[in-house]
Each structure stands twice: as structure tokens, then as C-alpha cells.
């Protein structure tokens, strides 16, 4: 998450969630990740609050997850 937070990308929120998805997939979790709508600027503190539950859920996932 730390590396994803500091990358310069068009949509940092999606980038951070995608990094969490990648980590879960490396553990063998089958993750379905969908993005819709236009990218909006989100302050870093708000991004942390939004990605926190995603990280928790993906960390606990054992077989499948949808984000």
C-alpha cells in the first residue's frame, strides 16, 4: 500500500485498490474487481479511509472476493 500511495497515476484510488487486489490474488484468492465512472480527485486521507475496509476484506478472503 505504501508504494501504491506514492505512485503518480491518473487514478490513485483505483491504483491502491488494484494493489490490494494483486496481493490477494497472489495468496490464491479469486478477485473480481470492477471500476465504473469517471476518476475524481480524492484526498489521500479519504483514500486511506476508503481502502481500509477493502484491505481488511481482501486480507480475510479465502476463496473469492468482489470489489
Protein backbone atom coordinates (compact mmCIF):
# COMPACT_ATOMS: atom_id res chain seq x y z
CA UNK A 1 0.00 0.00 0.00
CA UNK A 2 2.83 2.41 0.85
CA UNK A 3 4.30 2.13 -2.65
CA UNK A 4 0.91 2.47 -4.35
CA UNK A 5 0.11 5.56 -2.26
CA UNK A 6 3.15 7.41 -3.59
CA UNK A 7 2.92 6.48 -7.30
CA UNK A 8 1.95 9.18 -9.79
CA UNK A 9 -1.02 7.67 -11.65
CA UNK A 10 -4.23 9.06 -13.21
CA UNK A 11 -6.49 7.50 -10.55
CA UNK A 12 -4.67 6.88 -7.25
CA UNK A 13 -7.74 5.33 -5.57
CA UNK A 14 -8.11 2.65 -8.24
CA UNK A 15 -4.34 2.13 -8.21
CA UNK A 16 -4.32 1.50 -4.45
CA UNK A 17 -7.29 -0.88 -4.60
CA UNK A 18 -5.69 -2.71 -7.55
CA UNK A 19 -2.54 -3.18 -5.45
CA UNK A 20 -4.67 -4.77 -2.70
CA UNK A 21 -6.38 -6.98 -5.27
CA UNK A 22 -2.99 -8.10 -6.62
CA UNK A 23 -1.83 -9.06 -3.13
CA UNK A 24 -4.99 -11.12 -2.53
CA UNK A 25 -4.62 -12.84 -5.91
CA UNK A 26 -1.02 -13.79 -5.06
CA UNK A 27 -2.46 -15.56 -2.00
CA UNK A 28 -4.79 -17.54 -4.27
CA UNK A 29 -7.99 -15.52 -3.83
CA UNK A 30 -10.12 -15.22 -6.98
CA UNK A 31 -10.94 -11.49 -7.03
CA UNK A 32 -13.48 -9.76 -9.26
CA UNK A 33 -12.63 -6.04 -9.44
CA UNK A 34 -14.84 -3.60 -11.37
CA UNK A 35 -14.46 0.15 -11.82
CA UNK A 36 -17.10 2.47 -13.24
CA UNK A 37 -17.49 6.20 -13.64
CA UNK A 38 -15.02 8.99 -14.13
CA UNK A 39 -11.99 9.41 -11.90
CA UNK A 40 -12.37 12.14 -9.30
CA UNK A 41 -9.59 13.61 -7.16
CA UNK A 42 -9.73 12.10 -3.67
CA UNK A 43 -7.54 13.47 -0.85
CA UNK A 44 -5.00 10.96 0.47
CA UNK A 45 -6.64 10.75 3.93
CA UNK A 46 -10.01 9.95 2.36
CA UNK A 47 -8.35 7.34 0.11
CA UNK A 48 -6.90 5.67 3.22
CA UNK A 49 -10.35 5.59 4.82
CA UNK A 50 -11.89 4.12 1.67
CA UNK A 51 -9.20 1.49 1.10
CA UNK A 52 -9.01 0.39 4.76
CA UNK A 53 -12.14 -1.80 4.61
CA UNK A 54 -11.06 -3.17 1.21
CA UNK A 55 -7.70 -4.21 2.67
CA UNK A 56 -9.43 -5.80 5.66
CA UNK A 57 -11.90 -7.69 3.49
CA UNK A 58 -9.32 -8.90 0.99
CA UNK A 59 -6.97 -9.93 3.81
CA UNK A 60 -9.72 -12.09 5.31
CA UNK A 61 -10.87 -13.54 1.96
CA UNK A 62 -10.04 -17.19 1.45
CA UNK A 63 -11.62 -18.22 -1.84
CA UNK A 64 -13.38 -15.43 -3.70
CA UNK A 65 -13.95 -11.70 -3.34
CA UNK A 66 -15.75 -8.95 -5.26
CA UNK A 67 -14.60 -5.34 -5.12
